[in-house]
Protein backbone atom coordinates (compact mmCIF):
# COMPACT_ATOMS: atom_id res chain seq x y z
CA MET A 1 -0.01 -0.08 0.15
CA SER A 2 1.45 3.50 -0.93
CA THR A 3 -1.17 5.89 0.53
CA TYR A 4 -0.42 7.13 4.10
CA GLY A 5 -1.49 9.71 6.71
CA ILE A 6 1.23 11.63 8.38
CA ASP A 7 1.22 13.51 11.76
CA LEU A 8 4.08 16.02 11.42
CA GLY A 9 4.43 16.97 14.99
CA THR A 10 6.30 19.72 16.83
CA THR A 11 8.15 17.17 19.10
CA TYR A 12 7.09 13.74 17.65
CA SER A 13 5.77 12.60 14.23
CA CYS A 14 3.99 9.50 13.06
CA ILE A 15 2.91 7.80 10.03
CA ALA A 16 0.07 5.43 9.44
CA CYS A 17 -1.91 3.52 6.75
CA LEU A 18 -5.01 1.29 6.47
CA ASP A 19 -4.51 -2.47 6.63
CA ARG A 20 -6.44 -4.93 4.39
CA ASN A 21 -9.40 -4.65 6.68
CA GLY A 22 -9.57 -0.93 6.61
CA ASN A 23 -8.22 -0.33 10.04
CA PRO A 24 -5.60 2.33 10.62
CA GLU A 25 -2.17 1.07 11.82
CA VAL A 26 0.88 2.93 12.65
CA ILE A 27 4.20 2.08 10.88
CA ARG A 28 6.74 1.12 13.53
CA ASN A 29 9.96 3.14 14.11
CA GLN A 30 12.14 0.15 14.38
CA ALA A 31 15.21 2.17 14.96
CA ASP A 32 13.97 3.81 18.12
CA ALA A 33 11.65 0.77 18.94
CA GLY A 34 8.49 2.98 19.05
CA ASP A 35 5.64 4.26 17.22
CA THR A 36 6.78 7.59 16.70
CA LEU A 37 9.69 9.63 15.56
CA ALA A 38 11.39 12.33 17.50
CA SER A 39 11.09 15.59 15.25
CA ALA A 40 14.61 16.26 15.85
CA VAL A 41 17.40 16.78 13.31
CA TYR A 42 21.18 16.51 14.09
CA PHE A 43 23.52 17.79 11.31
CA GLU A 44 26.39 15.35 11.98
CA SER A 45 28.52 16.24 8.91
CA ALA A 46 28.21 17.98 5.50
CA ASP A 47 26.81 14.79 4.02
CA ASN A 48 24.77 13.19 6.75
CA VAL A 49 21.91 13.88 9.14
CA VAL A 50 20.51 12.06 11.99
CA ILE A 51 16.86 12.17 12.58
CA GLY A 52 14.98 10.97 15.63
CA SER A 53 15.79 9.92 19.25
CA SER A 54 19.67 9.70 18.31
CA ALA A 55 19.36 13.32 17.15
CA LYS A 56 17.51 14.27 20.19
CA GLU A 57 20.25 13.01 22.70
CA MET A 58 22.84 14.96 20.84
CA VAL A 59 21.47 18.11 22.45
CA GLU A 60 23.73 17.50 25.55
CA SER A 61 27.11 17.19 23.68
CA ASP A 62 26.44 18.95 20.33
CA GLY A 63 23.28 20.90 20.92
CA ASP A 64 24.36 23.81 18.46
CA ARG A 65 24.03 21.23 15.56
CA VAL A 66 20.52 19.99 16.58
CA VAL A 67 17.32 21.34 15.35
CA GLN A 68 13.97 20.86 17.22
CA PHE A 69 10.41 22.63 17.37
CA VAL A 70 10.82 23.59 13.70
CA LYS A 71 6.95 23.29 13.21
CA ARG A 72 6.53 26.54 15.18
CA GLU A 73 8.49 28.37 12.32
CA ILE A 74 7.21 26.69 9.37
CA GLY A 75 5.47 29.15 7.00
CA LYS A 76 5.80 32.19 9.52
CA PRO A 77 6.94 35.49 8.53
CA ASN A 78 10.58 36.16 8.95
CA ALA A 79 11.06 32.52 10.19
CA ARG A 80 14.81 31.82 11.06
CA THR A 81 16.99 29.76 8.97
CA TYR A 82 19.80 27.39 9.93
CA GLU A 83 23.42 27.02 8.65
CA PHE A 84 25.51 23.92 8.95
CA ASP A 85 28.74 23.15 6.93
CA GLY A 86 28.20 25.97 4.68
CA LYS A 87 24.63 25.15 3.80
CA THR A 88 21.42 26.99 4.70
CA TYR A 89 18.30 25.17 5.57
CA THR A 90 14.84 26.73 6.00
CA PRO A 91 12.01 25.37 8.20
CA VAL A 92 10.42 23.73 5.08
CA GLU A 93 13.61 21.90 4.45
CA ILE A 94 14.00 20.74 7.97
CA SER A 95 10.54 19.52 7.89
CA ALA A 96 11.19 17.80 4.78
CA LEU A 97 14.08 15.79 6.27
CA ILE A 98 11.73 14.63 8.99
CA LEU A 99 9.01 13.56 6.51
CA GLY A 100 11.83 12.03 4.52
CA ARG A 101 12.83 9.83 7.53
CA LEU A 102 9.33 8.69 7.87
CA LYS A 103 9.21 7.64 4.34
CA GLN A 104 12.45 5.70 4.72
CA MET A 105 10.95 4.03 7.85
CA VAL A 106 8.36 2.53 5.43
CA GLU A 107 10.82 1.72 2.70
CA GLU A 108 12.92 -0.14 5.34
CA GLN A 109 9.95 -2.44 5.99
CA GLY A 110 9.24 -3.06 2.26
CA GLY A 111 6.74 -0.41 1.69
CA THR A 112 6.65 2.65 -0.83
CA VAL A 113 5.20 5.97 0.15
CA ASP A 114 3.65 7.92 -2.72
CA ASP A 115 0.49 9.63 -1.76
CA VAL A 116 -0.01 11.12 1.72
CA VAL A 117 -2.35 13.18 3.75
CA ILE A 118 -0.53 15.62 6.10
CA THR A 119 -2.10 16.98 9.37
CA CYS A 120 -1.73 20.53 10.63
CA PRO A 121 -3.04 22.72 13.51
CA ALA A 122 -6.60 23.89 12.91
CA TYR A 123 -5.36 27.52 13.25
CA PHE A 124 -2.64 27.06 10.69
CA GLY A 125 -3.15 29.73 7.94
CA LEU A 126 -2.43 29.57 4.20
CA GLU A 127 1.22 30.04 4.38
CA GLU A 128 1.85 27.53 7.12
CA ARG A 129 -0.31 24.86 5.17
CA ASN A 130 1.40 25.55 1.88
CA ALA A 131 4.91 25.39 3.54
CA THR A 132 3.91 21.90 5.14
CA LYS A 133 2.69 20.80 1.80
CA GLN A 134 5.95 21.98 0.15
CA ALA A 135 7.83 20.05 2.70
CA GLY A 136 6.12 16.83 1.78
CA GLU A 137 6.74 17.54 -1.91
CA LEU A 138 10.45 18.04 -1.27
CA ALA A 139 10.51 14.68 0.52
CA GLY A 140 9.41 13.01 -2.65
CA MET A 141 5.77 12.67 -1.60
CA ASN A 142 2.54 13.54 -3.46
CA VAL A 143 0.40 15.19 -1.04
CA LEU A 144 -3.25 14.51 -1.60
CA ASN A 145 -4.67 16.84 1.02
CA MET A 146 -4.12 18.62 4.40
CA ILE A 147 -6.41 17.98 7.38
CA ASN A 148 -6.71 19.52 10.66
CA GLU A 149 -5.24 17.71 13.46
CA PRO A 150 -8.44 17.62 15.82
CA THR A 151 -10.49 16.58 12.73
CA ALA A 152 -8.30 13.64 12.14
CA ALA A 153 -8.34 12.59 15.62
CA ALA A 154 -12.16 12.71 15.55
CA LEU A 155 -12.11 10.47 12.38
CA CYS A 156 -10.11 7.96 14.24
CA TYR A 157 -12.43 7.90 17.02
CA CYS A 158 -15.54 7.78 14.91
CA ALA A 159 -14.02 4.93 12.65
CA ARG A 160 -13.57 2.77 16.00
CA GLN A 161 -16.41 3.89 18.12
CA PHE A 162 -19.24 5.03 15.99
CA SER A 163 -22.41 3.75 17.52
CA GLU A 164 -24.73 6.70 17.98
CA GLU A 165 -25.00 10.41 17.10
CA ARG A 166 -22.92 12.44 19.61
CA THR A 167 -21.09 15.78 19.95
CA ILE A 168 -17.38 15.58 20.58
CA LEU A 169 -15.03 18.13 21.91
CA VAL A 170 -11.28 17.44 20.79
CA TYR A 171 -8.71 18.79 23.27
CA ASP A 172 -5.37 18.61 21.33
CA LEU A 173 -2.36 19.65 23.19
CA GLY A 174 0.75 18.52 21.23
CA GLY A 175 4.29 19.38 21.73
CA GLY A 176 4.30 23.06 20.30
CA THR A 177 0.59 23.62 19.19
CA PHE A 178 -3.02 23.54 20.92
CA ASP A 179 -6.12 23.12 19.22
CA VAL A 180 -9.77 22.61 20.54
CA THR A 181 -12.38 21.56 18.19
CA ILE A 182 -16.14 20.53 18.47
CA VAL A 183 -17.35 18.00 16.01
CA LYS A 184 -20.88 16.29 15.49
CA MET A 185 -20.84 12.58 14.29
CA SER A 186 -23.87 11.31 12.74
CA LEU A 187 -25.46 8.81 10.30
CA GLU A 188 -26.84 10.65 7.37
CA MET A 189 -27.93 9.77 3.73
CA ASN A 190 -25.47 11.38 1.20
CA ASP A 191 -26.42 12.71 -2.31
CA GLN A 192 -26.39 9.26 -3.81
CA GLY A 193 -28.81 8.01 -1.12
CA LYS A 194 -26.31 5.94 0.71
CA GLU A 195 -26.03 6.01 4.55
CA VAL A 196 -22.73 7.43 5.55
CA GLU A 197 -21.05 8.16 8.78
CA ARG A 198 -20.49 12.02 8.76
CA VAL A 199 -18.02 13.94 10.89
CA ARG A 200 -18.90 17.83 10.82
CA VAL A 201 -16.77 20.36 12.52
CA VAL A 202 -18.93 22.68 14.55
CA ALA A 203 -16.35 25.25 15.79
CA THR A 204 -12.53 25.24 16.39
CA GLY A 205 -10.01 27.40 18.10
CA GLY A 206 -6.50 27.30 19.69
CA ASN A 207 -3.08 28.57 19.27
CA ASP A 208 -0.34 27.38 16.97
CA LEU A 209 2.27 28.71 19.44
CA LEU A 210 1.09 26.86 22.75
CA GLY A 211 2.20 23.43 23.49
CA GLY A 212 4.20 21.07 25.55
CA LYS A 213 7.32 22.98 24.85
CA ASP A 214 5.81 25.91 26.98
CA TRP A 215 5.72 23.49 30.02
CA ASP A 216 9.16 22.35 29.25
CA ASP A 217 10.38 25.94 29.31
CA LYS A 218 8.85 26.56 32.67
CA LEU A 219 10.56 23.46 34.17
CA TYR A 220 13.87 24.42 32.43
CA GLU A 221 13.69 27.77 33.99
CA TYR A 222 13.03 26.42 37.38
CA ILE A 223 15.93 23.90 37.32
CA LEU A 224 18.12 26.61 35.96
CA LYS A 225 17.40 28.94 38.73
CA ALA A 226 17.77 26.30 41.31
CA CYS A 227 21.17 25.39 39.89
CA CYS A 228 22.16 29.25 40.15
CA ASP A 229 20.85 29.49 43.66
CA GLU A 230 22.77 26.46 44.82
CA ASN A 231 26.01 27.52 43.43
CA GLY A 232 25.79 31.26 43.77
CA LEU A 233 25.81 31.92 39.96
CA THR A 234 23.79 33.92 37.38
CA PRO A 235 22.39 32.25 34.34
CA GLU A 236 25.06 33.78 32.36
CA GLU A 237 27.87 32.32 34.39
CA ILE A 238 26.52 28.76 33.85
CA GLU A 239 28.34 27.25 30.82
CA ILE A 240 26.28 26.78 27.67
CA GLU A 241 27.10 22.98 27.75
CA THR A 242 25.59 22.83 31.29
CA ARG A 243 22.38 24.58 30.03
CA GLN A 244 22.17 22.28 27.12
CA ILE A 245 22.45 19.41 29.60
CA ILE A 246 19.51 20.83 31.80
CA ARG A 247 17.28 21.32 28.50
CA SER A 248 17.92 17.64 27.46
CA ARG A 249 16.68 16.32 30.99
CA VAL A 250 13.54 18.38 31.05
CA GLU A 251 11.38 16.30 28.96
CA THR A 252 12.34 13.10 30.92
CA ALA A 253 11.74 14.89 34.25
CA LYS A 254 8.30 16.15 32.95
CA LYS A 255 7.42 12.54 31.77
CA LYS A 256 8.19 11.26 35.29
CA LEU A 257 6.35 13.63 37.03
CA SER A 258 3.27 12.22 35.12
CA ASN A 259 3.64 9.01 37.18
CA SER A 260 5.54 10.07 40.35
CA GLU A 261 5.14 12.69 42.85
CA SER A 262 8.53 13.98 42.64
CA VAL A 263 11.65 13.83 40.62
CA LYS A 264 15.42 14.41 41.12
CA ILE A 265 17.71 15.81 38.56
CA LYS A 266 21.49 15.69 38.86
CA ILE A 267 23.43 18.35 36.95
CA ASN A 268 27.03 18.99 36.96
CA VAL A 269 27.38 22.88 37.27
CA ASN A 270 30.70 24.09 36.33
CA GLY A 271 32.22 21.14 38.12
CA ALA A 272 29.83 21.06 41.19
CA MET A 273 27.44 18.12 41.04
CA THR A 274 23.95 19.60 42.07
CA THR A 275 20.75 17.80 42.77
CA VAL A 276 17.50 19.54 42.00
CA SER A 277 14.18 18.18 43.39
CA VAL A 278 10.95 19.06 41.73
CA THR A 279 7.48 17.84 43.02
CA ARG A 280 4.47 17.37 40.90
CA ALA A 281 2.88 20.03 42.87
CA GLN A 282 5.50 22.45 42.19
CA PHE A 283 5.35 21.71 38.42
CA GLU A 284 1.66 22.16 38.29
CA GLU A 285 1.84 25.54 40.10
CA MET A 286 4.55 26.90 37.85
CA THR A 287 2.52 25.89 34.71
CA SER A 288 -1.02 26.63 36.03
CA ASP A 289 -1.32 29.68 33.80
CA LYS A 290 -0.61 27.59 30.80
CA VAL A 291 -3.43 25.01 31.73
CA ALA A 292 -5.75 28.00 32.34
CA GLN A 293 -4.90 29.39 28.87
CA THR A 294 -5.91 26.18 27.10
CA MET A 295 -9.22 26.13 29.08
CA THR A 296 -9.91 29.86 27.97
CA TYR A 297 -9.65 28.48 24.37
CA VAL A 298 -12.21 25.83 25.50
CA GLU A 299 -14.79 28.22 26.73
CA ASP A 300 -14.36 30.38 23.54
CA VAL A 301 -15.02 27.62 21.21
CA LEU A 302 -18.13 26.47 23.44
CA ARG A 303 -19.37 29.96 22.94
CA LYS A 304 -18.90 29.79 19.08
CA ALA A 305 -20.83 26.46 19.13
CA GLY A 306 -23.66 28.16 21.15
CA ASN A 307 -22.87 26.44 24.34
CA ILE A 308 -23.74 23.02 22.71
CA GLU A 309 -23.94 20.02 25.16
CA ILE A 310 -20.93 17.86 24.97
CA ASP A 311 -21.17 14.10 24.96
CA THR A 312 -17.57 13.06 25.01
CA VAL A 313 -14.09 14.80 25.35
CA LEU A 314 -11.17 13.40 23.55
CA LEU A 315 -7.75 14.17 24.98
CA VAL A 316 -5.21 13.92 21.99
CA GLY A 317 -1.55 14.91 21.94
CA GLY A 318 1.49 13.55 23.95
CA SER A 319 1.18 16.73 26.40
CA THR A 320 -2.36 15.35 27.50
CA PHE A 321 -0.48 12.72 29.38
CA MET A 322 0.18 15.22 32.19
CA PRO A 323 -2.31 14.57 35.12
CA MET A 324 -2.89 18.33 35.40
CA ILE A 325 -4.37 18.52 31.94
CA ARG A 326 -6.84 15.51 32.52
CA ASN A 327 -7.77 17.06 35.95
CA ALA A 328 -8.55 20.42 34.49
CA VAL A 329 -10.63 19.20 31.62
CA GLU A 330 -12.32 16.49 34.09
CA ALA A 331 -13.38 19.30 36.15
CA ARG A 332 -15.08 21.04 33.43
CA PHE A 333 -16.59 17.90 31.86
CA PRO A 334 -17.01 15.47 34.55
CA GLY A 335 -17.38 11.93 33.57
CA LYS A 336 -16.92 12.47 29.84
CA VAL A 337 -13.07 12.59 29.30
CA GLN A 338 -11.03 9.94 27.69
CA LEU A 339 -7.49 9.72 26.33
CA GLU A 340 -7.71 8.90 22.56
CA ASP A 341 -4.50 7.27 21.74
CA PRO A 342 -2.58 10.54 22.24
CA ASP A 343 0.50 9.96 20.25
CA ARG A 344 -1.12 8.07 17.25
CA ALA A 345 -4.71 9.09 16.90
CA VAL A 346 -3.99 12.15 14.54
CA ALA A 347 -1.67 10.11 12.10
CA LYS A 348 -4.49 7.20 12.10
CA GLY A 349 -7.04 9.76 11.35
CA ALA A 350 -4.96 11.09 8.53
CA ALA A 351 -4.62 7.65 7.14
CA ILE A 352 -8.39 7.30 7.19
CA CYS A 353 -8.68 10.60 5.32
CA ALA A 354 -6.30 9.28 2.75
CA GLY A 355 -8.36 6.16 2.27
CA ILE A 356 -11.47 8.23 1.85
CA ILE A 357 -9.80 10.19 -1.01
CA VAL A 358 -8.35 7.15 -2.70
CA ASP A 359 -11.97 5.60 -2.56
CA GLU A 360 -13.36 8.80 -4.26
CA ILE A 361 -10.67 8.69 -6.89
CA LEU A 362 -11.29 5.14 -7.73
CA GLU A 363 -15.02 5.63 -7.77
CA ALA A 364 -14.41 8.57 -10.21
CA ARG A 365 -12.06 6.17 -12.23
CA SER A 366 -14.99 3.67 -12.41
CA GLU A 367 -17.57 6.09 -13.60
CA ASN A 368 -15.25 7.51 -16.21
CA ASN A 369 -14.36 3.93 -17.83
CA GLY A 370 -11.10 3.69 -16.16
CA VAL A 371 -9.92 7.18 -17.02
CA ASP A 372 -8.11 9.00 -14.16
CA THR A 373 -9.55 12.28 -13.49
CA GLY A 374 -7.39 13.07 -10.58
CA ASP A 375 -3.60 13.79 -10.27
CA VAL A 376 -2.80 10.86 -7.79
CA LYS A 377 0.39 9.02 -8.88
CA ALA A 378 -0.20 5.63 -7.00
CA ARG A 379 -3.08 4.13 -5.47
CA SER A 380 -4.28 1.10 -3.73
CA THR A 381 -6.36 -1.05 -6.02
CA THR A 382 -8.49 -2.41 -3.29
CA GLY A 383 -9.80 0.88 -2.00
CA SER A 384 -9.66 1.84 1.65
CA GLY A 385 -11.74 -1.27 2.91
CA LEU A 386 -13.79 1.06 5.32
CA SER A 387 -16.89 -0.58 6.53
CA MET A 388 -19.28 1.95 5.14
CA GLY A 389 -19.22 5.32 3.67
CA PHE A 390 -17.32 8.00 5.75
CA GLU A 391 -17.58 11.71 5.00
CA TYR A 392 -16.17 14.74 6.93
CA GLU A 393 -16.53 18.38 6.91
CA ASP A 394 -13.79 20.68 7.88
CA GLN A 395 -13.82 24.51 8.47
CA THR A 396 -11.81 27.44 7.03
CA PRO A 397 -8.93 28.31 9.43
CA ARG A 398 -9.34 32.20 8.51
CA SER A 399 -11.52 34.63 6.78
CA PHE A 400 -10.65 35.55 3.22
CA GLY A 401 -11.42 38.30 0.84
CA PRO A 402 -10.27 40.89 -1.64
CA GLY A 403 -9.25 44.45 -0.97
CA VAL A 404 -11.78 46.95 -2.27
CA LEU A 405 -12.85 50.60 -2.03
CA ASP A 406 -16.02 51.11 -0.13
CA ARG A 407 -18.69 53.85 -0.65
CA ASN A 408 -16.60 56.27 1.35
CA GLY A 409 -13.64 55.55 -0.75
CA ASP A 410 -11.77 53.75 2.00
CA TYR A 411 -9.54 50.72 1.19
CA ILE A 412 -10.86 47.73 3.18
CA ILE A 413 -10.98 43.91 3.11
CA ASP A 414 -14.21 42.48 2.18
CA ASN A 415 -14.31 39.00 3.81
CA ILE A 416 -16.53 37.11 1.56
CA ILE A 417 -15.37 33.78 2.97
CA LYS A 418 -15.75 33.83 6.86
CA LEU A 419 -13.55 31.89 9.33
CA GLY A 420 -15.53 28.53 10.14
CA ASN A 421 -17.28 28.24 6.83
CA ILE A 422 -17.32 24.64 5.44
CA MET A 423 -14.33 23.71 3.12
CA PRO A 424 -14.31 23.88 0.42
CA ALA A 425 -15.89 27.18 0.71
CA LYS A 426 -16.77 29.20 -2.46
CA ALA A 427 -17.94 32.92 -2.61
CA VAL A 428 -18.72 34.78 -5.83
CA LYS A 429 -19.33 38.76 -5.63
CA ASN A 430 -19.56 41.61 -8.05
CA TYR A 431 -17.54 44.65 -7.61
CA TYR A 432 -17.52 47.74 -9.81
CA THR A 433 -14.78 50.12 -11.61
CA THR A 434 -14.81 53.35 -9.73
CA PHE A 435 -14.16 55.67 -12.64
CA ASP A 436 -14.22 55.80 -16.51
CA ASN A 437 -11.33 54.70 -18.45
CA MET A 438 -9.72 52.61 -15.72
CA GLU A 439 -6.61 50.79 -17.40
CA MET A 440 -6.12 48.00 -14.75
CA ILE A 441 -7.44 46.59 -11.74
CA VAL A 442 -5.14 45.01 -9.05
CA LEU A 443 -7.14 42.45 -7.01
CA ARG A 444 -5.24 41.51 -3.68
CA ALA A 445 -6.26 38.66 -1.72
CA PHE A 446 -6.13 39.00 2.06
CA GLU A 447 -6.26 36.35 4.92
CA ASN A 448 -7.28 37.32 8.50
CA MET A 449 -8.86 36.41 11.66
CA PHE A 450 -11.72 38.89 11.34
CA LEU A 451 -15.39 37.72 11.17
CA ASP A 452 -16.86 40.91 9.91
CA ASP A 453 -16.37 42.35 6.35
CA SER A 454 -14.78 45.72 6.93
CA LEU A 455 -11.15 45.26 7.99
CA THR A 456 -8.24 47.51 7.33
CA PRO A 457 -5.71 45.69 5.14
CA CYS A 458 -1.93 45.33 5.80
CA VAL A 459 -1.25 47.42 2.63
CA THR A 460 -2.76 50.56 1.18
CA ASN A 461 -4.71 50.86 -2.26
CA GLU A 462 -1.29 51.84 -3.71
CA GLY A 463 0.33 48.56 -2.25
CA GLU A 464 2.32 50.45 0.62
CA PRO A 465 2.55 48.60 3.86
CA GLN A 466 0.47 49.79 6.83
CA GLN A 467 -0.05 48.84 10.42
CA THR A 468 -3.10 46.65 11.34
CA ASP A 469 -4.29 45.04 14.55
CA PRO A 470 -1.98 42.09 15.28
CA SER A 471 -4.77 40.06 16.86
CA ASN A 472 -6.49 39.99 13.39
CA LYS A 473 -3.39 38.36 11.82
CA VAL A 474 -3.91 40.03 8.53
CA LYS A 475 -1.74 38.74 5.53
CA LEU A 476 -1.66 39.75 2.02
CA LEU A 477 -1.55 36.34 0.27
CA GLY A 478 -1.10 37.56 -3.40
CA GLU A 479 -2.55 39.67 -5.94
CA LEU A 480 -4.04 39.58 -9.61
CA GLU A 481 -3.70 42.21 -12.27
CA MET A 482 -6.43 42.70 -14.98
CA ILE A 483 -5.90 44.81 -17.93
CA LEU A 484 -9.13 46.56 -18.91
CA PRO A 485 -10.21 47.51 -22.44
CA LYS A 486 -9.85 51.16 -23.54
CA ASN A 487 -12.92 53.38 -22.65
CA THR A 488 -14.06 51.08 -19.99
CA PRO A 489 -17.00 53.03 -18.35
CA LYS A 490 -17.43 53.49 -14.50
CA GLY A 491 -19.54 50.75 -12.82
CA THR A 492 -18.22 48.04 -15.14
CA PRO A 493 -19.02 44.80 -13.05
CA ILE A 494 -16.04 42.49 -12.16
CA GLU A 495 -17.10 39.23 -10.71
CA VAL A 496 -14.60 38.03 -8.01
CA THR A 497 -14.57 34.34 -6.99
CA PHE A 498 -12.91 32.98 -4.01
CA ILE A 499 -12.45 29.15 -3.44
CA VAL A 500 -10.75 27.92 -0.11
CA ASP A 501 -9.78 24.37 0.61
CA ALA A 502 -7.45 22.72 2.90
CA ALA A 503 -4.61 23.03 0.58
CA GLY A 504 -4.87 26.63 -0.76
CA VAL A 505 -6.90 29.53 -2.13
CA TYR A 506 -8.07 29.93 -5.75
CA VAL A 507 -8.97 33.48 -7.03
CA LYS A 508 -10.59 34.59 -10.18
CA ALA A 509 -11.59 37.94 -11.53
CA LEU A 510 -14.03 38.11 -14.61
CA ASN A 511 -14.80 41.20 -16.58
CA LYS A 512 -18.62 40.59 -17.03
CA ASN A 513 -18.73 43.18 -19.90
CA ASN A 514 -16.31 41.07 -22.32
CA GLY A 515 -15.94 37.80 -20.44
CA GLU A 516 -12.27 38.27 -20.04
CA SER A 517 -10.76 36.74 -16.79
CA VAL A 518 -7.56 36.12 -14.65
CA GLU A 519 -7.25 33.57 -12.37
CA THR A 520 -4.68 32.01 -9.95
CA THR A 521 -4.06 29.35 -7.28
CA ILE A 522 -2.11 31.23 -4.52
CA LYS A 523 0.85 29.46 -3.20
CA MET A 524 3.49 30.44 -0.71
CA ASN A 525 6.28 32.51 -1.90
CA SER A 526 9.35 30.51 -1.78
CA ASP A 527 12.91 30.68 -3.16
CA ILE A 528 13.53 26.84 -2.46
CA ASP A 529 14.83 25.31 -5.59
CA MET A 530 13.02 21.92 -5.36
CA GLU A 531 15.64 20.20 -7.66
CA ASN A 532 18.82 21.46 -6.08
CA SER A 533 17.75 22.02 -2.45
CA SER A 534 20.46 21.12 0.02
CA VAL A 535 17.90 18.42 1.52
CA THR A 536 18.47 16.38 -1.66
CA GLN A 537 22.02 16.19 -1.33
CA LEU A 538 21.96 14.66 2.37
CA SER A 539 22.12 11.11 3.52
CA ILE A 540 19.34 10.47 5.98
CA SER A 541 19.96 8.18 8.93
CA ALA A 542 18.53 7.15 12.32
CA GLU A 543 21.88 6.97 14.13
C-alpha cells in the first residue's frame, strides 16, 4: 500500500496507513523501538543528518547542531534559517528531512510512500499549510490533501467507536501547538442515497504557539534557577554545555512527574554536582497559567458553538498525558473525558482521510471507464476497505477576501469567506470599476482572523505597507492584475470568485462586460529550488 497519513508534530511525528481490513495502523519506528519519530534533526556532517531519538540525545554534547520545534516556525513571516557546513536550511527543508525519515521507515520495511495526507493545526493559515505541503513534496511525496489535526483525531475515534450520534470536543495539546475543536458525528444519507458516517466540524479554536514546549520551558527555568541559587551563580555564568544538559533532561523529568509525585535531576554545574528536586505540585503550580490558557480557548469554542452540550471529550497529543491536563478538563466535563491514543490518533485519522480520498478517486475512475480524473500518482487497487461510507466536513481556518474601495473611498478587506465556513468554501461577488477609463485592476487577496467584512488591510490601495491590529493576523496572500479595455466605463461589473480548501486559495476575476478573466491558485512565496535543495544532497539516518 502506498497511501499514508502523516502527523508532522512539533516534538514527535507519526505515519500510518490502512490495513487490508480498513483499520488504521501505525508504521513502527524500528530504529527507536516505538511508534513515533522524534522531530529532531542532528547535522552530523556535511553529507549526513541523523533524525529521531539519536538526534535528540545529541543536545547534551552537540546542541548547536541539533534543530527541534521547527513546526513552530514553518510558514511564519521572517522565520529563522539554519546554517551547517556552509549550507542554509529553511524550516520547510528541515521539515522535509523529518518527512523523508518517515518515508524511509516505511521503505525499510518493504513499503513505498507515494500519496499522503499530512495533518496541521486547525489554526494554521494558508502560508503555514502551503509550507507544510511543500515540505512533503520536497521529501518526494504526492500530498493529496491537508487535514486539521483535531478533525483527524475525531475521524480516528468515529471509525472505531461510532455507535450513535454524539457531539465531541477534541482537546489536542501537542508539543508545540494547541487546538480545541467541537465535532458532530451522525448517520446521514448522502447525495447518492447512501447511508454514511459523517463527521462535521462545528467550531474550532486554539493557538499554534502553545504546546508542551511551554511546559518544558517553565521547568527548564525552574531547574536553571535552582542550579544558580545552589552555586551562587547567575544564568550567564553557567556554561552553555550545562544549559544544554539541563534542557535535555527536562522532557524526561516532565514525563516522570506524570507517574511520580517528585523527581530528582542531577546536574554538573561548572564542576559542582548539584541535585534539583521538583515535585508534581510545584510543576503544576509553575504551569497553572498555561493550563488556564488552554481552558480559555475551550470556553471560547463552546461559545462559538452556542454552548452546545458535549457528550465526549477526547484528549489528544502527547502533552495530555500530564495529570494536570486531565484534571482540568475533567473538572469542566465530569465523566466525559477519555484519552484517545494521544500519540497516534492524529496519524491514524490522516490515514483514514487518505483512504476516503483514494476511494473517491477509484469511484471517479470507475464512472469514467477507467480514465483518471485526479492527479494521484499511485493508489491502492483495493480501496480503503472502510466498513461503510465516511464523510467529513472541516472549516476554514481564517477569513478570506479581496481588498476593495467602499462607498466612502476607504480601502478595506471584504471578507466574502468567513472563518468557520465549511470547506471547500466558495464565494462569488460583483464589484464595480470606480471611474471611467480605468486601465487596470489590482485584485489583492487577504487572509485574516476577522469575522466581519470591513477590515483595514496590511497594505494601502497603492500597495504600501500599513499597520493593522496584530490580533487579526492580516496577511496579503497575493494579487492579480487585470488589464481593462480602452474606454471601460465607470460601474463595469467585475465578478470575483474565491475558493478555499485545506490546501490553498483559488482566486478569479471576470470582466462581465467582455468575458475576459484572470485567475490563480495562491501558493506560498518560496525561493527553495526543489531540484537542487540541500535536502536532496544529504544522506538521512536514524543514528
